[in-house]
Amino acid sequence: MDEDRLHLSPVGHDIVAALAAALAVPGADDTWREPSPPVHPSRTETVATEFRWTIHYLAPWIGRRPRGISDREPKRPELLPARCA
């Protein structure tokens, strides 16, 4: 997962790309086979990343949740039928 723990990470995108290539989805290619650079964060970097995530994402959510409020607008405020491209 990505930093916000909702969206895909680079590895997640590679998995989706591999699946798309296997299913012969138009526009899919084999660039996902190229190796990603290795990531070896130190313990300090890992703790700092967790702390930043807690401050930026978890703490605001905890603050909003009990009050039943949100400072975010819905992406699609009106219910619409699903469209297939």
N, C-alpha and C. Protein backbone atom coordinates (compact mmCIF):
# COMPACT_ATOMS: atom_id res chain seq x y z
N MET A 1 0.83 -1.17 0.00
CA MET A 1 0.00 0.00 0.00
C MET A 1 0.88 1.24 0.00
N ASP A 2 0.24 2.33 -0.38
CA ASP A 2 0.93 3.60 -0.43
C ASP A 2 1.01 4.21 0.96
N GLU A 3 1.59 5.38 1.06
CA GLU A 3 1.77 6.06 2.34
C GLU A 3 0.46 6.22 3.11
N ASP A 4 -0.63 6.51 2.40
CA ASP A 4 -1.91 6.72 3.09
C ASP A 4 -2.60 5.41 3.44
N ARG A 5 -2.03 4.30 3.04
CA ARG A 5 -2.50 2.94 3.34
C ARG A 5 -3.86 2.64 2.72
N LEU A 6 -4.23 3.42 1.72
CA LEU A 6 -5.45 3.17 0.97
C LEU A 6 -5.14 2.85 -0.48
N HIS A 7 -4.16 3.52 -1.03
CA HIS A 7 -3.83 3.36 -2.44
C HIS A 7 -2.69 2.36 -2.62
N LEU A 8 -2.54 1.88 -3.82
CA LEU A 8 -1.51 0.89 -4.11
C LEU A 8 -0.11 1.48 -4.04
N SER A 9 0.82 0.68 -3.61
CA SER A 9 2.24 1.03 -3.63
C SER A 9 2.78 0.69 -5.01
N PRO A 10 4.04 1.01 -5.28
CA PRO A 10 4.63 0.59 -6.55
C PRO A 10 4.53 -0.92 -6.78
N VAL A 11 4.71 -1.71 -5.73
CA VAL A 11 4.60 -3.17 -5.88
C VAL A 11 3.16 -3.55 -6.22
N GLY A 12 2.20 -2.90 -5.57
CA GLY A 12 0.80 -3.15 -5.87
C GLY A 12 0.46 -2.82 -7.31
N HIS A 13 1.00 -1.71 -7.81
CA HIS A 13 0.78 -1.35 -9.21
C HIS A 13 1.41 -2.39 -10.14
N ASP A 14 2.57 -2.93 -9.76
CA ASP A 14 3.19 -3.98 -10.56
C ASP A 14 2.31 -5.22 -10.63
N ILE A 15 1.68 -5.57 -9.52
CA ILE A 15 0.80 -6.74 -9.50
C ILE A 15 -0.39 -6.53 -10.41
N VAL A 16 -0.99 -5.34 -10.35
CA VAL A 16 -2.13 -5.03 -11.22
C VAL A 16 -1.68 -5.04 -12.69
N ALA A 17 -0.49 -4.48 -12.96
CA ALA A 17 0.03 -4.47 -14.33
C ALA A 17 0.27 -5.88 -14.84
N ALA A 18 0.79 -6.75 -13.98
CA ALA A 18 1.04 -8.13 -14.39
C ALA A 18 -0.29 -8.83 -14.71
N LEU A 19 -1.28 -8.59 -13.90
CA LEU A 19 -2.60 -9.17 -14.14
C LEU A 19 -3.19 -8.63 -15.44
N ALA A 20 -3.05 -7.31 -15.66
CA ALA A 20 -3.56 -6.73 -16.90
C ALA A 20 -2.84 -7.31 -18.12
N ALA A 21 -1.54 -7.50 -18.03
CA ALA A 21 -0.79 -8.10 -19.14
C ALA A 21 -1.23 -9.55 -19.37
N ALA A 22 -1.44 -10.28 -18.28
CA ALA A 22 -1.87 -11.68 -18.41
C ALA A 22 -3.26 -11.79 -19.04
N LEU A 23 -4.10 -10.80 -18.78
CA LEU A 23 -5.45 -10.80 -19.35
C LEU A 23 -5.51 -10.10 -20.71
N ALA A 24 -4.36 -9.65 -21.20
CA ALA A 24 -4.24 -8.97 -22.49
C ALA A 24 -5.15 -7.74 -22.56
N VAL A 25 -5.15 -6.96 -21.49
CA VAL A 25 -5.91 -5.71 -21.46
C VAL A 25 -5.25 -4.73 -22.44
N PRO A 26 -6.05 -4.08 -23.30
CA PRO A 26 -5.45 -3.11 -24.25
C PRO A 26 -4.63 -2.05 -23.50
N GLY A 27 -3.44 -1.80 -23.99
CA GLY A 27 -2.55 -0.81 -23.39
C GLY A 27 -1.61 -1.39 -22.34
N ALA A 28 -1.82 -2.64 -21.93
CA ALA A 28 -0.94 -3.26 -20.94
C ALA A 28 0.38 -3.66 -21.62
N ASP A 29 1.46 -3.54 -20.89
CA ASP A 29 2.75 -3.94 -21.44
C ASP A 29 3.55 -4.70 -20.37
N ASP A 30 4.79 -5.00 -20.66
CA ASP A 30 5.61 -5.80 -19.75
C ASP A 30 6.61 -4.97 -18.95
N THR A 31 6.39 -3.66 -18.83
CA THR A 31 7.35 -2.85 -18.08
C THR A 31 7.37 -3.20 -16.60
N TRP A 32 6.32 -3.86 -16.12
CA TRP A 32 6.28 -4.26 -14.71
C TRP A 32 7.35 -5.30 -14.40
N ARG A 33 7.89 -5.95 -15.44
CA ARG A 33 8.92 -6.97 -15.22
C ARG A 33 10.28 -6.36 -14.85
N GLU A 34 10.46 -5.08 -15.16
CA GLU A 34 11.73 -4.43 -14.83
C GLU A 34 11.82 -4.31 -13.31
N PRO A 35 12.95 -4.68 -12.73
CA PRO A 35 13.05 -4.66 -11.26
C PRO A 35 12.98 -3.25 -10.70
N SER A 36 12.30 -3.13 -9.58
CA SER A 36 12.26 -1.86 -8.86
C SER A 36 13.53 -1.74 -8.05
N PRO A 37 13.96 -0.52 -7.77
CA PRO A 37 15.15 -0.36 -6.94
C PRO A 37 14.88 -0.90 -5.53
N PRO A 38 15.89 -1.51 -4.91
CA PRO A 38 15.69 -2.07 -3.57
C PRO A 38 15.44 -0.96 -2.54
N VAL A 39 14.61 -1.26 -1.58
CA VAL A 39 14.31 -0.32 -0.51
C VAL A 39 14.64 -1.01 0.82
N HIS A 40 15.55 -0.41 1.55
CA HIS A 40 15.96 -0.96 2.84
C HIS A 40 15.97 0.17 3.86
N PRO A 41 14.79 0.55 4.36
CA PRO A 41 14.76 1.66 5.32
C PRO A 41 15.36 1.24 6.67
N SER A 42 15.99 2.21 7.30
CA SER A 42 16.54 1.95 8.64
C SER A 42 15.40 1.95 9.65
N ARG A 43 15.68 1.51 10.84
CA ARG A 43 14.67 1.51 11.90
C ARG A 43 14.20 2.94 12.17
N THR A 44 15.13 3.89 12.15
CA THR A 44 14.78 5.30 12.38
C THR A 44 13.84 5.80 11.29
N GLU A 45 14.13 5.46 10.03
CA GLU A 45 13.25 5.87 8.93
C GLU A 45 11.87 5.22 9.05
N THR A 46 11.83 3.97 9.47
CA THR A 46 10.55 3.28 9.63
C THR A 46 9.72 3.93 10.73
N VAL A 47 10.34 4.23 11.85
CA VAL A 47 9.63 4.88 12.95
C VAL A 47 9.15 6.27 12.52
N ALA A 48 9.99 7.01 11.81
CA ALA A 48 9.61 8.34 11.34
C ALA A 48 8.44 8.26 10.38
N THR A 49 8.45 7.27 9.49
CA THR A 49 7.35 7.09 8.54
C THR A 49 6.05 6.77 9.27
N GLU A 50 6.11 5.89 10.25
CA GLU A 50 4.91 5.55 11.03
C GLU A 50 4.39 6.76 11.80
N PHE A 51 5.29 7.54 12.34
CA PHE A 51 4.90 8.74 13.09
C PHE A 51 4.22 9.75 12.17
N ARG A 52 4.82 9.99 10.99
CA ARG A 52 4.21 10.93 10.03
C ARG A 52 2.83 10.45 9.60
N TRP A 53 2.69 9.14 9.35
CA TRP A 53 1.39 8.61 8.94
C TRP A 53 0.36 8.82 10.06
N THR A 54 0.77 8.56 11.29
CA THR A 54 -0.13 8.74 12.43
C THR A 54 -0.58 10.19 12.55
N ILE A 55 0.33 11.13 12.40
CA ILE A 55 0.00 12.56 12.53
C ILE A 55 -0.86 13.03 11.36
N HIS A 56 -0.54 12.61 10.14
CA HIS A 56 -1.25 13.12 8.96
C HIS A 56 -2.56 12.41 8.65
N TYR A 57 -2.69 11.15 9.00
CA TYR A 57 -3.88 10.39 8.61
C TYR A 57 -4.69 9.87 9.80
N LEU A 58 -4.05 9.21 10.73
CA LEU A 58 -4.79 8.57 11.82
C LEU A 58 -5.35 9.58 12.82
N ALA A 59 -4.53 10.49 13.30
CA ALA A 59 -4.98 11.45 14.32
C ALA A 59 -6.16 12.29 13.81
N PRO A 60 -6.10 12.85 12.60
CA PRO A 60 -7.27 13.61 12.13
C PRO A 60 -8.53 12.74 12.01
N TRP A 61 -8.36 11.51 11.57
CA TRP A 61 -9.52 10.61 11.46
C TRP A 61 -10.12 10.35 12.84
N ILE A 62 -9.26 10.07 13.82
CA ILE A 62 -9.74 9.84 15.19
C ILE A 62 -10.44 11.08 15.72
N GLY A 63 -9.93 12.26 15.39
CA GLY A 63 -10.56 13.49 15.84
C GLY A 63 -11.92 13.73 15.22
N ARG A 64 -12.12 13.32 13.98
CA ARG A 64 -13.39 13.52 13.29
C ARG A 64 -14.40 12.45 13.62
N ARG A 65 -13.97 11.24 13.78
CA ARG A 65 -14.87 10.10 13.90
C ARG A 65 -15.88 10.22 15.05
N PRO A 66 -15.46 10.47 16.29
CA PRO A 66 -16.44 10.52 17.39
C PRO A 66 -17.45 11.65 17.24
N ARG A 67 -17.03 12.73 16.58
CA ARG A 67 -17.93 13.88 16.42
C ARG A 67 -18.86 13.72 15.23
N GLY A 68 -18.60 12.71 14.40
CA GLY A 68 -19.44 12.46 13.24
C GLY A 68 -19.33 13.53 12.17
N ILE A 69 -18.18 14.17 12.10
CA ILE A 69 -17.99 15.23 11.11
C ILE A 69 -16.87 14.85 10.15
N SER A 70 -16.86 15.51 9.03
CA SER A 70 -15.79 15.30 8.06
C SER A 70 -15.52 16.62 7.37
N ASP A 71 -14.26 16.90 7.13
CA ASP A 71 -13.90 18.10 6.41
C ASP A 71 -13.66 17.79 4.93
N ARG A 72 -14.06 16.62 4.53
CA ARG A 72 -13.84 16.19 3.16
C ARG A 72 -15.16 16.09 2.41
N GLU A 73 -15.13 16.50 1.17
CA GLU A 73 -16.30 16.41 0.30
C GLU A 73 -16.30 15.04 -0.38
N PRO A 74 -17.49 14.48 -0.64
CA PRO A 74 -17.53 13.20 -1.35
C PRO A 74 -17.03 13.35 -2.77
N LYS A 75 -16.35 12.34 -3.26
CA LYS A 75 -15.85 12.36 -4.63
C LYS A 75 -17.00 12.42 -5.62
N ARG A 76 -18.05 11.67 -5.35
CA ARG A 76 -19.25 11.67 -6.18
C ARG A 76 -20.45 11.85 -5.26
N PRO A 77 -20.89 13.10 -5.06
CA PRO A 77 -21.97 13.35 -4.10
C PRO A 77 -23.33 12.80 -4.51
N GLU A 78 -23.55 12.56 -5.81
CA GLU A 78 -24.81 12.02 -6.27
C GLU A 78 -24.60 10.58 -6.75
N LEU A 79 -25.55 9.73 -6.40
CA LEU A 79 -25.49 8.33 -6.84
C LEU A 79 -25.78 8.27 -8.33
N LEU A 80 -24.87 7.69 -9.07
CA LEU A 80 -25.02 7.56 -10.53
C LEU A 80 -24.84 6.10 -10.92
N PRO A 81 -25.42 5.69 -12.04
CA PRO A 81 -25.20 4.31 -12.49
C PRO A 81 -23.75 4.10 -12.90
N ALA A 82 -23.26 2.90 -12.72
CA ALA A 82 -21.89 2.55 -13.10
C ALA A 82 -21.80 2.50 -14.62
N ARG A 83 -20.68 3.01 -15.14
CA ARG A 83 -20.45 2.97 -16.58
C ARG A 83 -19.23 2.10 -16.85
N CYS A 84 -19.33 1.25 -17.82
CA CYS A 84 -18.20 0.42 -18.24
C CYS A 84 -17.59 1.07 -19.47
N ALA A 85 -16.29 1.25 -19.45
CA ALA A 85 -15.61 1.89 -20.59
C ALA A 85 -15.36 0.91 -21.70
